[in-house]
Structures are given as structure tokens and as C-alpha cells.
Protein backbone atom coordinates (compact mmCIF):
# COMPACT_ATOMS: atom_id res chain seq x y z
CA MET A 1 25.98 -101.73 19.51
CA LEU A 2 23.77 -98.69 19.04
CA ARG A 3 20.29 -98.81 20.55
CA VAL A 4 17.68 -96.63 18.82
CA GLY A 5 14.20 -96.20 20.22
CA LEU A 6 11.60 -95.64 17.50
CA THR A 7 8.07 -94.52 18.24
CA GLY A 8 5.19 -92.38 17.06
CA GLY A 9 1.47 -92.07 17.44
CA ILE A 10 -0.92 -94.54 15.87
CA GLY A 11 -1.25 -93.79 12.16
CA SER A 12 1.97 -91.74 12.02
CA GLY A 13 3.67 -94.15 9.60
CA LYS A 14 6.20 -95.53 12.04
CA SER A 15 6.33 -98.84 10.18
CA THR A 16 7.43 -96.99 7.02
CA VAL A 17 10.46 -95.63 8.85
CA ALA A 18 11.19 -98.94 10.56
CA GLY A 19 11.09 -100.77 7.24
CA ARG A 20 13.52 -98.36 5.62
CA LEU A 21 15.98 -98.65 8.50
CA ALA A 22 15.79 -102.43 8.22
CA GLU A 23 16.56 -102.14 4.49
CA HIS A 24 19.73 -100.26 5.41
CA GLY A 25 20.77 -103.10 7.71
CA ALA A 26 19.35 -102.21 11.09
CA VAL A 27 18.34 -105.04 13.40
CA LEU A 28 14.64 -104.36 13.90
CA ILE A 29 12.87 -105.41 17.08
CA ASP A 30 9.15 -104.80 16.65
CA SER A 31 7.37 -104.75 20.00
CA ASP A 32 3.94 -105.08 18.38
CA ARG A 33 5.07 -108.19 16.51
CA LEU A 34 6.53 -109.67 19.67
CA ALA A 35 3.31 -108.87 21.53
CA ARG A 36 1.46 -110.96 18.96
CA GLU A 37 3.98 -113.79 19.09
CA VAL A 38 3.78 -114.25 22.85
CA VAL A 39 0.00 -114.77 22.72
CA GLU A 40 -0.21 -117.08 19.71
CA PRO A 41 -2.29 -120.27 20.02
CA GLY A 42 -0.61 -122.78 22.31
CA THR A 43 1.38 -120.19 24.29
CA ASP A 44 1.10 -119.77 28.03
CA GLY A 45 0.55 -116.07 27.36
CA LEU A 46 -2.71 -116.76 25.55
CA ALA A 47 -3.79 -119.21 28.25
CA GLU A 48 -3.26 -116.56 30.91
CA ILE A 49 -5.25 -113.99 28.93
CA VAL A 50 -8.18 -116.40 28.61
CA ALA A 51 -8.02 -117.11 32.34
CA ALA A 52 -8.13 -113.38 33.07
CA PHE A 53 -10.69 -112.20 30.50
CA GLY A 54 -12.75 -115.24 29.59
CA ALA A 55 -13.16 -117.49 26.54
CA GLU A 56 -15.03 -114.76 24.67
CA VAL A 57 -11.67 -113.22 23.72
CA LEU A 58 -10.94 -116.29 21.56
CA ARG A 59 -11.89 -116.79 17.91
CA ALA A 60 -13.38 -120.04 16.71
CA ASP A 61 -9.94 -121.22 15.56
CA GLY A 62 -8.47 -120.70 19.03
CA SER A 63 -6.54 -117.54 18.21
CA LEU A 64 -6.87 -114.29 20.13
CA ASP A 65 -9.79 -112.08 19.08
CA ARG A 66 -8.00 -108.76 19.36
CA PRO A 67 -11.04 -106.50 18.83
CA ALA A 68 -12.89 -108.40 21.55
CA LEU A 69 -9.97 -108.04 23.93
CA ALA A 70 -9.59 -104.37 23.04
CA GLY A 71 -13.23 -103.84 23.91
CA LYS A 72 -12.58 -105.20 27.38
CA VAL A 73 -9.47 -103.16 28.18
CA PHE A 74 -9.96 -99.88 26.32
CA GLY A 75 -10.95 -97.25 28.87
CA ASP A 76 -10.54 -99.68 31.79
CA ASP A 77 -7.27 -98.97 33.59
CA ALA A 78 -7.43 -102.05 35.80
CA ALA A 79 -8.10 -104.38 32.88
CA ARG A 80 -5.32 -102.80 30.84
CA ALA A 81 -2.91 -103.20 33.77
CA THR A 82 -3.82 -106.89 33.98
CA LEU A 83 -3.19 -107.35 30.26
CA ASN A 84 0.10 -105.49 30.44
CA ALA A 85 1.25 -107.65 33.35
CA ILE A 86 0.69 -110.71 31.17
CA VAL A 87 2.19 -109.46 27.92
CA HIS A 88 4.97 -107.03 28.85
CA PRO A 89 7.25 -109.41 30.78
CA ARG A 90 7.09 -111.91 27.94
CA VAL A 91 7.85 -109.24 25.35
CA GLY A 92 10.71 -108.02 27.53
CA ALA A 93 12.22 -111.49 27.78
CA ARG A 94 12.00 -112.02 24.03
CA THR A 95 13.50 -108.56 23.40
CA ALA A 96 16.46 -109.43 25.62
CA GLU A 97 17.02 -112.61 23.60
CA LEU A 98 17.05 -110.69 20.32
CA LEU A 99 19.42 -108.05 21.71
CA ALA A 100 21.80 -110.75 22.90
CA ALA A 101 21.77 -112.32 19.45
CA ALA A 102 22.52 -109.05 17.60
CA PRO A 103 26.08 -108.51 16.30
CA PRO A 104 28.31 -106.22 18.37
CA ASP A 105 28.38 -103.66 15.54
CA ALA A 106 24.62 -103.64 15.04
CA VAL A 107 22.33 -100.65 14.91
CA VAL A 108 19.35 -102.03 16.81
CA VAL A 109 16.08 -100.22 16.16
CA HIS A 110 13.48 -100.97 18.82
CA ASP A 111 10.01 -100.12 17.55
CA ILE A 112 7.94 -99.39 20.66
CA PRO A 113 4.49 -97.78 20.36
CA LEU A 114 4.37 -96.73 24.04
CA LEU A 115 8.02 -95.70 24.48
CA VAL A 116 7.03 -92.22 25.66
CA GLU A 117 4.12 -93.33 27.81
CA ASN A 118 6.26 -95.91 29.62
CA GLY A 119 9.22 -93.57 30.22
CA LEU A 120 11.71 -95.70 28.29
CA ALA A 121 13.58 -92.98 26.39
CA PRO A 122 16.71 -92.75 28.62
CA ALA A 123 17.56 -96.41 27.88
CA TYR A 124 18.41 -95.61 24.24
CA HIS A 125 21.33 -93.84 22.62
CA LEU A 126 18.87 -92.04 20.36
CA VAL A 127 15.10 -91.65 20.23
CA VAL A 128 13.43 -91.17 16.84
CA ILE A 129 9.86 -89.86 16.76
CA VAL A 130 7.72 -90.26 13.65
CA HIS A 131 5.10 -87.53 13.49
CA ALA A 132 2.04 -86.85 11.38
CA GLU A 133 -0.71 -84.30 11.88
CA PRO A 134 -3.80 -85.70 13.63
CA GLU A 135 -6.13 -85.31 10.66
CA GLN A 136 -3.71 -87.19 8.45
CA ARG A 137 -3.48 -89.95 11.04
CA VAL A 138 -7.26 -90.22 11.29
CA HIS A 139 -7.49 -90.45 7.50
CA ARG A 140 -4.92 -93.24 7.39
CA LEU A 141 -6.60 -95.21 10.17
CA VAL A 142 -10.01 -94.95 8.54
CA THR A 143 -8.91 -95.70 4.97
CA ALA A 144 -6.05 -98.14 5.48
CA ARG A 145 -7.15 -99.97 8.62
CA GLY A 146 -10.90 -99.72 8.31
CA MET A 147 -11.24 -98.09 11.71
CA GLY A 148 -14.21 -95.95 12.57
CA GLU A 149 -13.45 -92.25 12.79
CA ALA A 150 -14.58 -91.94 16.41
CA ASP A 151 -12.48 -94.94 17.37
CA ALA A 152 -9.44 -93.49 15.55
CA ARG A 153 -9.75 -90.17 17.34
CA ALA A 154 -10.20 -91.86 20.72
CA ARG A 155 -7.06 -93.94 20.22
CA ILE A 156 -5.04 -90.89 19.21
CA ALA A 157 -6.30 -88.97 22.24
CA ALA A 158 -5.34 -91.86 24.57
CA GLN A 159 -1.69 -91.73 23.52
CA ALA A 160 1.11 -89.29 24.37
CA THR A 161 0.78 -85.71 23.17
CA ASP A 162 3.11 -84.09 20.64
CA GLU A 163 4.63 -82.05 23.48
CA GLN A 164 5.44 -85.20 25.43
CA ARG A 165 7.00 -86.79 22.37
CA ARG A 166 9.07 -83.70 21.55
CA ALA A 167 10.48 -83.76 25.07
CA VAL A 168 12.21 -87.11 24.39
CA ALA A 169 12.87 -86.73 20.64
CA ASP A 170 16.47 -86.58 19.48
CA VAL A 171 15.18 -86.91 15.91
CA TRP A 172 11.77 -85.68 14.74
CA LEU A 173 10.62 -87.08 11.39
CA ASP A 174 7.54 -85.44 9.91
CA ASN A 175 5.59 -88.00 7.91
CA THR A 176 2.50 -85.89 7.25
CA SER A 177 3.26 -85.62 3.53
CA THR A 178 4.18 -88.29 0.98
CA PRO A 179 6.40 -91.23 2.05
CA ASP A 180 9.28 -90.33 -0.30
CA LEU A 181 10.05 -87.21 1.75
CA VAL A 182 10.39 -88.99 5.09
CA LEU A 183 12.30 -91.86 3.47
CA ALA A 184 14.90 -89.40 2.20
CA GLU A 185 15.29 -88.10 5.75
CA VAL A 186 15.71 -91.66 7.01
CA ASP A 187 18.41 -92.33 4.42
CA ALA A 188 20.34 -89.27 5.57
CA LEU A 189 19.83 -90.17 9.23
CA TRP A 190 21.29 -93.62 8.63
CA ALA A 191 24.36 -92.45 6.72
CA ASP A 192 25.17 -89.26 8.59
CA ARG A 193 24.31 -90.13 12.16
CA LEU A 194 23.44 -93.73 12.99
CA VAL A 195 26.35 -95.47 11.27
CA PRO A 196 29.08 -93.16 12.62
CA TYR A 197 27.40 -93.06 16.03
CA GLU A 198 27.51 -96.86 16.28
CA ALA A 199 31.19 -96.89 15.36
CA ASN A 200 31.98 -94.20 17.92
CA VAL A 201 30.20 -96.10 20.71
CA ARG A 202 31.87 -99.39 19.81
CA LEU A 203 35.33 -97.83 19.53
CA ARG A 204 34.91 -95.63 22.65
CA ARG A 205 35.41 -92.55 20.50
CA ARG A 206 33.90 -89.16 21.25
CA ASN A 207 32.89 -86.65 18.62
CA VAL A 208 35.44 -83.80 18.68
CA VAL A 209 34.55 -80.20 17.81
CA ARG A 210 37.22 -78.73 15.53
CA GLN A 211 36.12 -75.10 15.35
CA ALA A 212 34.89 -72.62 17.95
CA ARG A 213 31.91 -71.37 15.95
CA ILE A 214 29.57 -69.19 17.97
CA VAL A 215 25.86 -69.44 17.13
CA PRO A 216 22.83 -67.54 18.46
CA ALA A 217 21.27 -68.90 21.63
CA ASP A 218 19.02 -71.88 20.94
CA PRO A 219 15.93 -72.00 23.17
CA THR A 220 15.90 -75.82 22.86
CA TRP A 221 19.33 -76.23 24.48
CA PRO A 222 17.86 -76.79 27.98
CA ALA A 223 15.50 -79.49 26.68
CA GLN A 224 18.35 -81.17 24.83
CA ALA A 225 20.44 -81.06 28.00
CA GLU A 226 17.60 -82.63 29.96
CA ARG A 227 17.41 -85.57 27.54
CA LEU A 228 21.14 -86.16 27.80
CA SER A 229 21.02 -85.78 31.58
CA ARG A 230 18.45 -88.54 31.92
CA ARG A 231 20.60 -90.94 29.91
CA ILE A 232 23.64 -90.06 31.98
CA ALA A 233 21.76 -90.46 35.27
CA LEU A 234 20.49 -93.88 34.21
CA ALA A 235 23.97 -95.01 33.18
CA ALA A 236 25.64 -93.66 36.32
CA GLY A 237 23.19 -95.29 38.69
CA GLU A 238 23.61 -94.68 42.41
CA ARG A 239 27.14 -93.29 41.95
CA GLY A 240 25.74 -90.34 40.01
CA LEU A 241 24.43 -87.90 42.61
CA ARG A 242 23.01 -85.33 40.19
CA VAL A 243 23.42 -84.01 36.65
CA ASP A 244 23.44 -80.27 35.95
CA HIS A 245 23.40 -78.27 32.76
CA ILE A 246 26.38 -75.89 32.95
CA GLY A 247 28.40 -73.74 30.57
CA SER A 248 27.24 -71.19 28.04
CA THR A 249 24.31 -73.20 26.65
CA SER A 250 22.80 -73.22 30.15
CA VAL A 251 22.53 -69.41 30.17
CA PRO A 252 19.36 -68.21 28.38
CA GLY A 253 20.04 -65.73 25.60
CA LEU A 254 23.80 -66.28 25.53
CA ALA A 255 25.35 -67.04 22.13
CA ALA A 256 27.66 -70.05 22.34
CA LYS A 257 29.28 -72.98 20.62
CA ASP A 258 26.60 -75.56 19.90
CA VAL A 259 28.02 -77.88 22.55
CA ILE A 260 26.04 -78.93 25.61
CA ASP A 261 28.11 -78.99 28.81
CA LEU A 262 26.89 -81.19 31.66
CA GLN A 263 28.27 -81.79 35.12
CA LEU A 264 27.83 -85.18 36.77
CA THR A 265 28.30 -84.97 40.52
CA VAL A 266 30.03 -87.90 42.21
CA ALA A 267 31.14 -88.57 45.77
CA SER A 268 34.74 -89.29 44.75
CA LEU A 269 36.95 -89.66 41.69
CA ALA A 270 37.04 -93.38 42.46
CA ASP A 271 33.28 -93.41 41.83
CA ALA A 272 33.84 -91.47 38.62
CA ASP A 273 36.33 -94.09 37.43
CA ALA A 274 34.03 -96.93 38.46
CA ILE A 275 31.27 -95.75 36.10
CA ALA A 276 33.50 -94.85 33.14
CA ASP A 277 32.56 -97.96 31.16
CA GLN A 278 28.87 -97.53 31.90
CA LEU A 279 28.97 -93.98 30.60
CA ALA A 280 30.88 -95.08 27.50
CA ASP A 281 28.27 -97.77 26.81
CA ALA A 282 25.60 -95.08 27.05
CA GLY A 283 27.38 -92.96 24.44
CA PHE A 284 29.75 -90.84 26.57
CA PRO A 285 33.27 -92.28 26.30
CA GLN A 286 36.03 -90.95 28.51
CA ALA A 287 38.53 -88.57 26.96
CA PRO A 288 42.20 -88.22 27.88
CA GLN A 289 42.50 -86.07 30.97
CA VAL A 290 44.14 -83.28 28.98
CA THR A 291 43.01 -82.72 25.39
CA GLU A 292 43.39 -79.89 22.93
CA ASP A 293 39.75 -78.91 23.43
CA ASN A 294 39.84 -79.50 27.19
CA PRO A 295 43.30 -78.28 28.30
CA LYS A 296 42.43 -78.00 32.00
CA ALA A 297 40.56 -81.25 32.49
CA PHE A 298 43.18 -82.44 34.96
CA ALA A 299 44.83 -79.96 37.28
CA PRO A 300 47.42 -81.78 39.39
CA ASP A 301 47.90 -78.93 41.85
CA PRO A 302 45.84 -78.62 43.95
CA ALA A 303 44.33 -82.12 43.88
CA ASP A 304 40.80 -81.03 44.78
CA TRP A 305 40.38 -79.33 41.37
CA ARG A 306 40.71 -82.61 39.50
CA LYS A 307 37.87 -84.06 37.46
CA ARG A 308 37.12 -86.67 34.81
CA PHE A 309 36.10 -85.66 31.32
CA HIS A 310 33.83 -87.54 28.90
CA GLY A 311 32.41 -86.50 25.53
CA ALA A 312 29.36 -87.47 23.50
CA ALA A 313 29.87 -90.05 20.76
CA ASP A 314 26.82 -88.78 18.87
CA PRO A 315 27.90 -86.93 15.69
CA GLY A 316 24.56 -85.14 15.70
CA ARG A 317 24.78 -83.67 19.20
CA ASN A 318 28.09 -82.47 20.59
CA ALA A 319 28.29 -82.55 24.36
CA ASN A 320 30.90 -82.50 27.12
CA LEU A 321 30.45 -84.33 30.40
CA HIS A 322 32.49 -83.15 33.41
CA LEU A 323 32.59 -85.49 36.42
CA ARG A 324 33.40 -83.54 39.56
CA VAL A 325 33.34 -84.36 43.24
CA LEU A 326 30.52 -82.93 45.32
CA GLY A 327 31.62 -79.74 47.07
CA SER A 328 34.96 -79.45 45.28
CA PRO A 329 36.08 -75.98 44.08
CA GLY A 330 35.63 -76.82 40.39
CA TRP A 331 32.17 -78.28 41.04
CA ARG A 332 31.09 -75.18 42.91
CA LEU A 333 32.58 -72.72 40.41
CA ALA A 334 30.86 -74.34 37.42
CA LEU A 335 27.47 -73.85 39.07
CA LEU A 336 28.29 -70.37 40.36
CA LEU A 337 29.42 -68.98 37.00
CA ARG A 338 26.26 -70.31 35.36
CA ASP A 339 23.96 -68.70 37.91
CA TRP A 340 25.96 -65.46 37.99
CA LEU A 341 25.79 -65.06 34.20
CA ARG A 342 22.07 -65.78 34.30
CA ALA A 343 21.60 -63.00 36.83
CA GLU A 344 24.00 -60.37 35.40
CA PRO A 345 23.03 -59.22 31.87
CA GLU A 346 25.95 -56.80 31.54
CA ARG A 347 28.54 -59.46 32.29
CA ARG A 348 26.66 -61.85 30.00
CA ARG A 349 26.91 -59.36 27.12
CA GLU A 350 30.58 -58.75 27.89
CA TYR A 351 31.31 -62.48 27.80
CA GLU A 352 29.36 -62.97 24.58
CA GLU A 353 31.24 -60.18 22.82
CA LEU A 354 34.53 -61.72 23.92
CA LYS A 355 33.55 -65.15 22.64
CA VAL A 356 32.44 -63.85 19.26
CA ARG A 357 35.69 -61.91 18.83
CA LEU A 358 37.94 -64.79 19.90
CA ALA A 359 36.07 -67.30 17.75
CA ALA A 360 36.69 -65.11 14.71
CA GLU A 361 40.36 -64.74 15.60
CA HIS A 362 40.80 -68.52 15.97
CA ALA A 363 38.50 -69.65 13.15
CA ALA A 364 41.35 -71.20 11.15
CA ASP A 365 43.03 -73.06 14.03
CA GLY A 366 41.43 -76.45 13.36
CA THR A 367 40.99 -76.96 17.11
CA THR A 368 39.15 -75.18 19.90
CA GLY A 369 42.14 -75.31 22.27
CA PRO A 370 43.63 -71.85 21.52
CA TYR A 371 40.16 -70.29 21.70
CA ALA A 372 39.59 -71.86 25.12
CA GLU A 373 42.96 -70.71 26.39
CA ALA A 374 42.35 -67.17 25.13
CA LYS A 375 39.23 -66.97 27.33
CA GLU A 376 41.09 -67.85 30.51
CA PRO A 377 42.05 -64.25 31.47
CA TRP A 378 38.37 -63.28 31.38
CA PHE A 379 37.51 -66.13 33.75
CA ASP A 380 40.38 -65.12 36.05
CA SER A 381 38.93 -61.63 36.33
CA ALA A 382 35.28 -62.74 36.39
CA THR A 383 35.63 -65.27 39.20
CA PRO A 384 36.16 -62.70 41.99
CA ALA A 385 33.16 -60.77 40.73
CA ALA A 386 31.06 -63.93 40.74
CA LEU A 387 32.22 -64.80 44.25
CA ALA A 388 31.31 -61.31 45.46
CA TRP A 389 27.87 -61.68 43.86
CA ALA A 390 27.42 -65.04 45.58
CA GLU A 391 28.21 -63.54 48.97
CA ARG A 392 25.98 -60.53 48.37
CA MET A 393 23.05 -62.67 47.20
CA GLY A 394 23.53 -65.48 49.69
CA TRP A 395 23.99 -67.90 46.81
CA THR A 396 24.67 -71.53 47.62
CA PRO A 397 25.10 -74.45 45.20
CA PRO A 398 22.22 -76.93 44.82
CA SER A 399 22.04 -79.53 47.55
């Protein structure tokens, strides 16, 4: 099962995207709809709201007067917290029921207006943000919903900012223009990413990079790594001691393969094995210990260089996850080489030139294994230099 979190600011057109995904076959869980269901006439949710806010939040027919309730909670943090404590647990319980009823091969799209505000992004395999420019959103709220302009602007201002949404967005859909444009993007997202991603998660299959293609440094790589790290940390739980962005994409300005490398620190390889299924469920299935694109994942001699290797199942974001034991030589070296390359521009340029040349030489291989092996002599010569730098600078790995 693939879990997709869908959100966007009020008036962004999130329901347009949700509807299209449902047409493709996604199981849609609409939090707003559930929030209405759990406070319908006759429910204990509605009774608790009346007890908390008074009978004036009821219409003559006994249903909830939403504008009246909104008037009581908007701008009042305590009142909003009381309302949330009534509604959210009931919505959560109903959501769990719907998830349990979904088929094992489902793409579940969870439409949550406050996904960003409530810090829920790491719980999903993918977060899709629907965006529209503020003036377009105000226009939609005024014309389509009959909302006053001042009210529309106040509601927009009370929600997450675009910067906060971008920080959690794996997919950013701009719905400022006409609906046909964003619907075409949704169609491509479904076919090219969501469907194969679901299959990869269900089959415990990682997405394998077949060519060592070097691209210019992407300034968004660190933010992408941070999103992945939060998912990994949530999946690993207490056995995951920390997650670090390592490898070439962690070095600003360094051209690299568009593959995010992450290191999950564990106390022992037994802990690494204990969380393998949890990581796979989160979209990072374990790979064989030695693979053509990871030829040194398992070094039997000496034992303290061993690790576990997982890869991202997401066809839209290639990533490698290395599980290493805290304080082990491989764990320390991965962090040292990153920090050394960040600090030494000449060695960074030297390494980049080598990678570009080797990638061109191995472009037709159909695998990244020979490219990786061809880099090994450089690492053999660079490691003593990095160790000398560490001693000179008093470098120590993060605690």
C-alpha cells in the first residue's frame, strides 16, 4: 500500500487534484469529509461540541452551524484546541478504519488540509502540495464560496506559508492557471510515479540506477535529504540513533549523480536487521548485501566495516540508505569524507573532474558498478589526506 499525503492552502484547488486521483483508482480519504461525518446530528461528537460551545452552534434542524462555530474558534487558540480535541481523535479513528479496509495494492490518498501545520508529512511515502498564488485563491474563495475578501485573506494568512509547504513537498503542483494544466500533471504523476512506487513498496523492490550520469549540483538536494531523513527516522524509531546526509549530494557545489545518500546510525547490526521491515514499509527496502551498484556493501574482513544497505522504492527520487554502527570505521569515514570535501575546494574540484571523466567512460555499461569501482583508487589515496585534515583541524564525528 502506498500512502500519499495531499494538502494545499484554502482555495488552492486541492479537491480538483483529489478528484482526479480518485478517478484513476486511488482510495481517497478526505479529512474534511470525515470531520463533518463525526459531528453529524445524533453523534457523540456533536453532543460534545454543544456541551463545550453552547446550543448557539446548532441550527434549527439540529445540525452544526459551522459559521457560528467558526466565529467562536477563529483567532482563539484555546477554543480551537478544545474543538480539535473533540474532532481529531474521531477523525483519526475513522481514518484508521478506512486504511484497514483498503486493498493491499491500493494507492491511498489522504487529503489533509493541515498536514503541514500538524507535522504529519513523515508518515507518508509521498507528500503532494497543490499550490495557487494568493490572489487567485482569494478570487476563488470570494466567487465560488461566497466568502468575504477580508475573511478569505485572514484564513490564508492563518495557514502554513509557501516556504513551509515547500519544505515537505515531494511533488509541487501549481494550480494557479486553468484546471486542465494541473490535471495533465496529475495524470503523469499517477502513471509515472504513484503506480510504480506502490508496486515497488509492495514487492520490496528498490529503484535501481542504471547509468552513472553526473549532473550539476542541485541546491535543493539538502532539503530533499531532510525530507527523506524524517521518514527514515520515524520508521526506525528508537533503534535509529541519527540520520545524516552523506555522499556527493551532501557537498555544496559538487556535481554528482542525482542520488541522495543517507546514513542511518544504529547501535548494532542486530538493530539494523530488526528494523529492516519497518524501513521497507516506509519505502526503503533492503538490497542484497553486495549489488552491482553497491559492490562493497558487505566487507567480511574486518567485521567492523560491515553495514546494511537499503534503497528508495520511489521511481521519482533515487536514494541509498546505509545502515552503519555508531563509531565503526565505515560510519566515521562517511562523515569525514563529506566534511573534508566541504572544506577543501581543490580536492572537491579534483574529485568532480574524476567523476565526470569516469561517468563518460562508463556511460554505456548499463550499470553503475564499474564506475564505482573505478573511483576506488581515488578514495584509497584521498583517505589519508582526509585523516590528516581531521587531525589538523581537530575534527570529530557528530555525537
